[in-house]
Amino acid sequence: MNPLRIANRSEQNTLALARYPGAQPHWVADMSFATPEPILRAITERVKEGHFSYPKLAETVYQSIQHWCATRYDWVINREWIVIIPNTISGVRTGVKSVYKSGAIFTQQPNYHKLLDIGKSFDAGITTIDINTSHIPFSVHDLQSIALENPSAVVLCNPANPTGTVASRAQLESLAECIKGLRTVVISDEAHADIILGDQRHVPLGSVKGLENKSITVLSPSKTFNLAGVSVAYAVIPSKQIRKAFVSTLALHCSGINALGLVALEHAYVHCSAWLETLLQQLRYNQRYLHDRLLKTSLRYVPSGGTYLAWIDARAAGCDVFARLLDKGIAISDGADFGAPGWIRFNFAHPQSQMIHATDTILDLFGNTK
C-alpha cells in the first residue's frame, strides 16, 4: 500500500483551505499528504491517557533528535547542545534577541515574511542578501559586506523559503572563514532541511568547521511530516556561552512545549524514515512534472534543490498572476509577500490529480500560443 495518503482536511479547521474558500491550496507551506501512520498512532495513544499536564522532556526525545541528525545529516551532536523550542520562528527570534548588540542584521531576500521582518523586533536595520536569481545563499560581495560591518547576527534560511536554494558545505565554510574573529553569530532556520530534492545532502550550519561555536541551528519535523498544527522544534547550539544566553532569553519571551508535538517528533525521527523516502520520490516527480508543464507557458521556473515550494518568475505574464489564478480556483502565494513582486510561490506537495488540475489551469491562462 502506498504510505502517502491524502489528508482529510476541511475549511473549518485547516488554514490552507480556509484562507481562500473553494480554491485548491498551493499557497501555504504544508501538505495535502496525511501525517505518517506511526505518528498518528502514537498521538492517539497519548490522547487516550486522558490528560494534557505539563510535559516532561523524556530522554528518548533527545535521543531521537541525536539519531536523526546522525543518520540524515551525518552530524553527531551532544545531548546538552539541544534546546527544545515551540517552533522555528520563535527559535530564530530568540536566537537573534540573545546575541544582538547593535547595528544591522543580515538576512536573505526574498524570504519568508517573518524572517524579512526580523529586525522590527529589535528596532534594528536590515541588510539584505539578494538570492532571488543567483541560486546561491550569498555572494562574495555579501561576505565582504559582512566582514566590513561585523554584524551581531546573520540570519539564514537553508533550504531557503521561497527560492529553495540549498547551501553547500563549501559555501558555509566560506561564511565561517568570513566571520572568523568577528562578533557575528549565524542563526539558521532549517525547517525544510529534510526536503532535499537534488543530489546534495543537507548540511546543518552547526556541523561546519569554524561555525560550531558561532551558530544557532534551528530544526523541526514540522514541514517534513505535516506537523505544523502540533508545533515543536529544537535549536542545536554547541557553544555553551551562546546556549546559556539563548536559554535565558527563551525563558523570558517563550513558554510552553506542546505535549503532542514531543510525541510526534520522537516517533517521526525513529519510525518514519521510509515514509520520508516515499514522499521525496513523489515530490521529485511533482517538481519535474511542474517544470515540464511550465515550459509551455510565459512563466519561468528553475527547479531548486530543496523544499516543495516552486519559486516562479511571472513577470513576463504582464498581469496579476496571483489574482487570475485565484479567480480560477487556484490559490498560490504572491511574491510581494516575500519581497519580490512579480514572482509567485507554488506548493507542489499535493497528489497528482491536484497537480494536473493546477497546471491545466495555468496552461489555459498563460500557455504559449505561438
Protein backbone atom coordinates (compact mmCIF):
# COMPACT_ATOMS: atom_id res chain seq x y z
CA MET A 1 0.00 0.00 0.00
CA ASN A 2 1.25 3.50 -0.84
CA PRO A 3 2.03 5.14 2.54
CA LEU A 4 1.22 8.58 1.10
CA ARG A 5 -2.44 9.02 1.97
CA ILE A 6 -4.39 12.16 1.18
CA ALA A 7 -5.28 14.06 4.34
CA ASN A 8 -8.94 14.55 5.21
CA ARG A 9 -8.84 18.33 5.57
CA SER A 10 -11.71 20.83 5.78
CA GLU A 11 -12.17 24.58 5.64
CA GLN A 12 -13.46 24.52 9.23
CA ASN A 13 -10.10 23.55 10.74
CA THR A 14 -7.41 23.94 8.06
CA LEU A 15 -5.84 27.31 7.21
CA ALA A 16 -4.74 26.10 3.77
CA LEU A 17 -8.40 25.70 2.76
CA ALA A 18 -9.99 28.41 4.89
CA ARG A 19 -7.98 31.40 3.62
CA TYR A 20 -9.36 31.05 0.07
CA PRO A 21 -12.59 29.02 0.38
CA GLY A 22 -13.23 26.70 -2.52
CA ALA A 23 -9.76 27.15 -4.01
CA GLN A 24 -7.18 24.40 -4.42
CA PRO A 25 -4.45 25.25 -1.86
CA HIS A 26 -0.99 25.77 -3.33
CA TRP A 27 -0.08 28.74 -1.15
CA VAL A 28 0.81 27.86 2.46
CA ALA A 29 3.77 25.58 3.21
CA ASP A 30 2.08 22.40 4.39
CA MET A 31 0.98 19.28 2.53
CA SER A 32 -2.13 17.57 1.24
CA PHE A 33 -0.47 14.30 2.28
CA ALA A 34 -1.52 12.90 5.64
CA THR A 35 0.86 12.71 8.58
CA PRO A 36 2.54 9.25 8.72
CA GLU A 37 0.65 6.48 10.50
CA PRO A 38 3.28 5.79 13.20
CA ILE A 39 2.94 9.38 14.37
CA LEU A 40 -0.86 9.28 14.32
CA ARG A 41 -0.91 6.04 16.32
CA ALA A 42 1.49 7.43 18.92
CA ILE A 43 -0.53 10.63 19.31
CA THR A 44 -3.74 8.60 19.62
CA GLU A 45 -2.21 6.55 22.42
CA ARG A 46 -1.02 9.70 24.18
CA VAL A 47 -4.52 11.25 23.93
CA LYS A 48 -6.00 8.09 25.48
CA GLU A 49 -4.06 8.83 28.66
CA GLY A 50 -6.73 11.45 29.26
CA HIS A 51 -4.66 14.44 30.30
CA PHE A 52 -2.53 17.24 28.94
CA SER A 53 -0.48 18.10 32.00
CA TYR A 54 2.77 19.99 31.63
CA PRO A 55 5.03 17.59 29.74
CA LYS A 56 8.37 16.32 30.92
CA LEU A 57 11.11 16.16 28.34
CA ALA A 58 11.97 12.47 28.18
CA GLU A 59 15.50 11.41 27.31
CA THR A 60 14.06 9.47 24.37
CA VAL A 61 13.13 12.80 22.73
CA TYR A 62 16.75 13.93 22.84
CA GLN A 63 17.93 10.51 21.67
CA SER A 64 15.60 10.62 18.67
CA ILE A 65 17.00 14.02 17.67
CA GLN A 66 20.56 12.74 18.01
CA HIS A 67 19.63 9.69 15.93
CA TRP A 68 18.04 11.83 13.19
CA CYS A 69 20.92 14.27 12.97
CA ALA A 70 23.42 11.41 12.77
CA THR A 71 21.56 9.37 10.14
CA ARG A 72 20.11 12.16 7.96
CA TYR A 73 22.87 14.77 8.16
CA ASP A 74 25.93 12.79 9.31
CA TRP A 75 26.08 15.18 12.26
CA VAL A 76 26.93 13.78 15.69
CA ILE A 77 25.57 16.15 18.35
CA ASN A 78 25.82 16.13 22.12
CA ARG A 79 22.69 15.89 24.25
CA GLU A 80 23.40 19.19 26.02
CA TRP A 81 23.52 21.12 22.75
CA ILE A 82 19.79 20.57 22.16
CA VAL A 83 17.19 23.11 23.30
CA ILE A 84 13.52 22.25 22.69
CA ILE A 85 11.53 25.28 21.47
CA PRO A 86 7.90 25.92 20.43
CA ASN A 87 8.62 26.45 16.70
CA THR A 88 11.35 27.51 14.32
CA ILE A 89 10.38 31.19 14.11
CA SER A 90 10.41 31.59 17.89
CA GLY A 91 13.81 29.91 17.79
CA VAL A 92 15.19 32.36 15.24
CA ARG A 93 13.78 35.35 17.10
CA THR A 94 15.13 34.06 20.41
CA GLY A 95 18.49 33.47 18.78
CA VAL A 96 18.73 36.97 17.37
CA LYS A 97 17.48 38.56 20.59
CA SER A 98 20.04 36.63 22.64
CA VAL A 99 23.06 37.74 20.57
CA TYR A 100 22.02 41.14 19.17
CA LYS A 101 24.00 44.14 20.38
CA SER A 102 23.86 46.84 17.71
CA GLY A 103 23.90 47.58 14.01
CA ALA A 104 22.12 45.91 11.11
CA ILE A 105 21.04 42.30 10.91
CA PHE A 106 21.93 40.49 7.68
CA THR A 107 19.15 38.37 6.18
CA GLN A 108 18.31 36.96 2.77
CA GLN A 109 15.71 38.30 0.33
CA PRO A 110 13.28 37.08 -0.94
CA ASN A 111 12.35 35.40 2.29
CA TYR A 112 9.52 34.19 4.48
CA HIS A 113 7.87 37.37 5.75
CA LYS A 114 8.58 36.65 9.44
CA LEU A 115 12.28 36.46 8.61
CA LEU A 116 12.12 39.55 6.40
CA ASP A 117 10.65 41.47 9.34
CA ILE A 118 13.06 40.10 11.94
CA GLY A 119 14.68 43.50 12.51
CA LYS A 120 11.41 45.09 13.65
CA SER A 121 11.57 43.14 16.90
CA PHE A 122 14.85 44.85 17.80
CA ASP A 123 14.44 48.28 16.21
CA ALA A 124 17.35 47.20 14.05
CA GLY A 125 18.15 47.85 10.43
CA ILE A 126 18.28 45.07 7.90
CA THR A 127 20.98 44.50 5.30
CA THR A 128 19.61 42.18 2.64
CA ILE A 129 21.41 39.37 0.87
CA ASP A 130 19.78 39.10 -2.58
CA ILE A 131 19.26 35.44 -3.51
CA ASN A 132 16.36 35.83 -5.94
CA THR A 133 18.05 34.62 -9.13
CA SER A 134 21.58 33.74 -8.01
CA HIS A 135 20.80 30.20 -6.77
CA ILE A 136 23.45 30.65 -4.07
CA PRO A 137 22.87 31.54 -0.39
CA PHE A 138 25.17 34.58 -0.50
CA SER A 139 27.76 36.08 -2.82
CA VAL A 140 31.38 37.09 -2.39
CA HIS A 141 30.13 40.69 -2.20
CA ASP A 142 27.77 39.71 0.64
CA LEU A 143 30.67 38.13 2.54
CA GLN A 144 32.73 41.27 2.03
CA SER A 145 29.87 43.36 3.42
CA ILE A 146 29.58 41.09 6.47
CA ALA A 147 33.32 41.34 7.09
CA LEU A 148 33.15 45.14 6.84
CA GLU A 149 30.07 45.67 9.02
CA ASN A 150 30.80 43.00 11.67
CA PRO A 151 27.08 42.45 12.43
CA SER A 152 25.80 40.89 15.64
CA ALA A 153 23.70 38.43 13.65
CA VAL A 154 23.36 36.90 10.22
CA VAL A 155 20.07 35.07 9.67
CA LEU A 156 19.95 32.34 7.04
CA CYS A 157 17.13 30.16 5.76
CA ASN A 158 18.51 26.86 4.48
CA PRO A 159 16.97 25.46 2.35
CA ALA A 160 15.66 28.91 1.55
CA ASN A 161 11.96 29.74 1.53
CA PRO A 162 10.76 30.64 -1.10
CA THR A 163 13.67 30.14 -3.52
CA GLY A 164 14.60 26.59 -2.48
CA THR A 165 18.31 27.45 -2.51
CA VAL A 166 20.39 24.84 -0.68
CA ALA A 167 23.72 25.91 0.85
CA SER A 168 26.70 23.65 0.21
CA ARG A 169 29.36 22.82 2.76
CA ALA A 170 31.93 24.81 0.78
CA GLN A 171 29.68 27.88 0.79
CA LEU A 172 29.10 27.62 4.53
CA GLU A 173 32.83 27.15 5.09
CA SER A 174 33.42 30.42 3.23
CA LEU A 175 30.99 32.09 5.64
CA ALA A 176 32.87 30.58 8.59
CA GLU A 177 36.13 31.99 7.25
CA CYS A 178 34.46 35.38 6.74
CA ILE A 179 33.26 35.75 10.35
CA LYS A 180 36.41 34.39 12.00
CA GLY A 181 37.41 36.99 14.55
CA LEU A 182 34.11 38.91 14.23
CA ARG A 183 31.40 39.19 16.88
CA THR A 184 28.95 37.66 14.41
CA VAL A 185 26.69 34.74 15.29
CA VAL A 186 24.79 33.00 12.48
CA ILE A 187 21.23 31.82 13.10
CA SER A 188 19.90 29.35 10.54
CA ASP A 189 16.23 28.43 10.04
CA GLU A 190 16.42 24.88 8.67
CA ALA A 191 12.74 23.95 8.81
CA HIS A 192 12.93 22.46 5.29
CA ALA A 193 16.17 20.54 5.95
CA ASP A 194 14.70 17.13 5.10
CA ILE A 195 13.11 18.18 1.80
CA ILE A 196 16.21 17.90 -0.39
CA LEU A 197 15.28 17.10 -3.99
CA GLY A 198 18.67 17.39 -5.66
CA ASP A 199 21.80 15.27 -5.34
CA GLN A 200 23.42 17.10 -2.47
CA ARG A 201 22.89 16.38 1.21
CA HIS A 202 21.64 18.94 3.69
CA VAL A 203 24.49 20.49 5.68
CA PRO A 204 23.40 21.82 9.08
CA LEU A 205 25.03 25.14 9.91
CA GLY A 206 26.47 23.94 13.22
CA SER A 207 28.16 20.96 11.59
CA VAL A 208 30.52 23.20 9.61
CA LYS A 209 34.07 23.66 10.84
CA GLY A 210 34.51 27.17 12.16
CA LEU A 211 30.78 27.66 12.80
CA GLU A 212 30.33 25.21 15.67
CA ASN A 213 30.81 27.92 18.28
CA LYS A 214 29.31 30.79 16.30
CA SER A 215 25.96 29.31 15.33
CA ILE A 216 22.39 28.52 16.30
CA THR A 217 20.84 25.84 14.06
CA VAL A 218 17.04 25.66 14.24
CA LEU A 219 15.35 22.46 13.04
CA SER A 220 11.91 20.85 13.17
CA PRO A 221 9.97 17.84 11.84
CA SER A 222 7.05 20.17 11.03
CA LYS A 223 7.46 20.63 7.27
CA THR A 224 8.73 17.09 6.75
CA PHE A 225 5.83 15.20 8.32
CA ASN A 226 2.94 17.70 8.04
CA LEU A 227 3.02 18.61 11.74
CA ALA A 228 2.56 22.40 11.72
CA GLY A 229 -0.52 22.10 13.91
CA VAL A 230 1.36 20.32 16.73
CA SER A 231 4.13 22.85 16.87
CA VAL A 232 7.55 21.65 18.01
CA ALA A 233 11.14 22.45 17.08
CA TYR A 234 14.63 22.50 18.54
CA ALA A 235 17.81 24.53 18.41
CA VAL A 236 21.24 22.92 18.31
CA ILE A 237 23.81 25.22 19.96
CA PRO A 238 27.30 23.78 20.55
CA SER A 239 28.63 26.94 22.24
CA LYS A 240 27.96 26.89 25.99
CA GLN A 241 28.04 30.70 26.16
CA ILE A 242 25.60 31.21 23.25
CA ARG A 243 23.36 28.41 24.54
CA LYS A 244 23.19 29.95 28.02
CA ALA A 245 22.13 33.32 26.57
CA PHE A 246 19.61 31.59 24.29
CA VAL A 247 18.01 29.63 27.15
CA SER A 248 17.80 32.74 29.33
CA THR A 249 16.15 34.73 26.54
CA LEU A 250 13.80 31.86 25.74
CA ALA A 251 12.61 31.75 29.36
CA LEU A 252 11.74 35.45 29.22
CA HIS A 253 9.90 35.50 25.91
CA CYS A 254 8.57 31.99 25.17
CA SER A 255 6.89 29.41 27.34
CA GLY A 256 5.29 26.03 26.95
CA ILE A 257 6.13 22.96 24.91
CA ASN A 258 3.42 21.07 23.03
CA ALA A 259 2.98 17.62 24.62
CA LEU A 260 1.70 16.10 21.39
CA GLY A 261 4.48 17.78 19.45
CA LEU A 262 7.07 15.93 21.53
CA VAL A 263 5.33 12.62 20.81
CA ALA A 264 5.18 13.44 17.11
CA LEU A 265 8.84 14.44 16.93
CA GLU A 266 10.11 11.31 18.63
CA HIS A 267 8.06 8.90 16.53
CA ALA A 268 8.78 10.77 13.30
CA TYR A 269 12.52 10.56 13.85
CA VAL A 270 12.52 6.94 14.99
CA HIS A 271 9.89 5.33 12.75
CA CYS A 272 9.30 7.43 9.61
CA SER A 273 12.49 7.43 7.53
CA ALA A 274 10.98 5.08 4.92
CA TRP A 275 7.85 7.23 4.69
CA LEU A 276 10.05 10.26 4.03
CA GLU A 277 11.85 8.50 1.18
CA THR A 278 8.47 7.78 -0.45
CA LEU A 279 7.47 11.42 0.00
CA LEU A 280 10.70 12.65 -1.57
CA GLN A 281 10.19 10.36 -4.56
CA GLN A 282 6.72 11.86 -5.09
CA LEU A 283 7.96 15.41 -4.65
CA ARG A 284 10.75 14.91 -7.19
CA TYR A 285 8.20 13.61 -9.66
CA ASN A 286 5.89 16.55 -8.97
CA GLN A 287 8.71 19.03 -9.40
CA ARG A 288 9.70 17.58 -12.79
CA TYR A 289 6.07 17.49 -13.87
CA LEU A 290 5.52 21.12 -12.90
CA HIS A 291 8.72 22.22 -14.64
CA ASP A 292 7.86 20.41 -17.85
CA ARG A 293 4.36 21.90 -17.99
CA LEU A 294 5.52 25.43 -17.20
CA LEU A 295 7.92 25.28 -20.16
CA LYS A 296 4.79 25.70 -22.28
CA THR A 297 3.81 28.96 -20.57
CA SER A 298 5.07 32.50 -20.09
CA LEU A 299 6.03 31.62 -16.51
CA ARG A 300 9.67 30.81 -15.83
CA TYR A 301 10.69 28.17 -13.29
CA VAL A 302 14.16 26.83 -12.48
CA PRO A 303 13.78 23.78 -10.20
CA SER A 304 15.62 24.20 -6.92
CA GLY A 305 17.49 21.72 -4.75
CA GLY A 306 15.17 21.91 -1.77
CA THR A 307 11.65 22.43 -0.37
CA TYR A 308 8.32 21.57 -2.00
CA LEU A 309 7.88 25.22 -3.00
CA ALA A 310 8.37 26.33 -6.59
CA TRP A 311 9.63 29.91 -6.96
CA ILE A 312 8.33 31.12 -10.31
CA ASP A 313 9.12 34.26 -12.29
CA ALA A 314 5.74 35.55 -13.51
CA ARG A 315 6.84 38.99 -14.72
CA ALA A 316 6.58 38.13 -18.40
CA ALA A 317 2.88 37.30 -17.99
CA GLY A 318 2.15 41.02 -17.84
CA CYS A 319 -0.70 40.69 -15.36
CA ASP A 320 -1.57 39.87 -11.77
CA VAL A 321 -0.96 36.11 -11.91
CA PHE A 322 -1.99 35.62 -8.29
CA ALA A 323 -5.41 37.23 -8.87
CA ARG A 324 -6.06 35.47 -12.17
CA LEU A 325 -5.27 32.03 -10.76
CA LEU A 326 -7.34 32.66 -7.65
CA ASP A 327 -10.26 33.66 -9.85
CA LYS A 328 -9.97 30.20 -11.45
CA GLY A 329 -9.79 28.41 -8.11
CA ILE A 330 -6.02 28.00 -7.66
CA ALA A 331 -4.57 29.67 -4.56
CA ILE A 332 -0.84 30.47 -4.67
CA SER A 333 1.42 32.90 -2.78
CA ASP A 334 2.16 36.35 -4.16
CA GLY A 335 5.88 37.05 -4.44
CA ALA A 336 5.32 40.51 -2.96
CA ASP A 337 4.78 38.81 0.39
CA PHE A 338 8.41 37.64 0.22
CA GLY A 339 9.83 40.93 -1.02
CA ALA A 340 9.76 40.03 -4.73
CA PRO A 341 6.79 41.48 -6.66
CA GLY A 342 6.19 39.79 -10.00
CA TRP A 343 7.05 36.34 -8.68
CA ILE A 344 4.81 33.62 -7.28
CA ARG A 345 5.32 30.68 -4.94
CA PHE A 346 3.59 27.40 -5.77
CA ASN A 347 3.39 24.49 -3.31
CA PHE A 348 3.65 21.14 -5.13
CA ALA A 349 3.26 18.82 -2.09
CA HIS A 350 -0.02 17.52 -3.47
CA PRO A 351 -1.36 14.39 -5.19
CA GLN A 352 -1.16 14.02 -8.95
CA SER A 353 -4.84 14.84 -9.52
CA GLN A 354 -4.37 18.27 -7.94
CA MET A 355 -1.13 18.86 -9.84
CA ILE A 356 -2.86 18.08 -13.13
CA HIS A 357 -5.76 20.42 -12.35
CA ALA A 358 -3.49 23.26 -11.24
CA THR A 359 -1.15 23.03 -14.22
CA ASP A 360 -4.05 22.65 -16.67
CA THR A 361 -5.41 25.91 -15.28
CA ILE A 362 -2.02 27.60 -15.60
CA LEU A 363 -1.71 26.42 -19.21
CA ASP A 364 -5.20 27.69 -20.03
CA LEU A 365 -4.33 31.13 -18.68
CA PHE A 366 -0.67 31.56 -19.57
CA GLY A 367 0.10 28.96 -22.22
CA ASN A 368 2.26 29.97 -25.16
CA THR A 369 0.12 30.48 -28.26
CA LYS A 370 2.90 30.59 -30.83
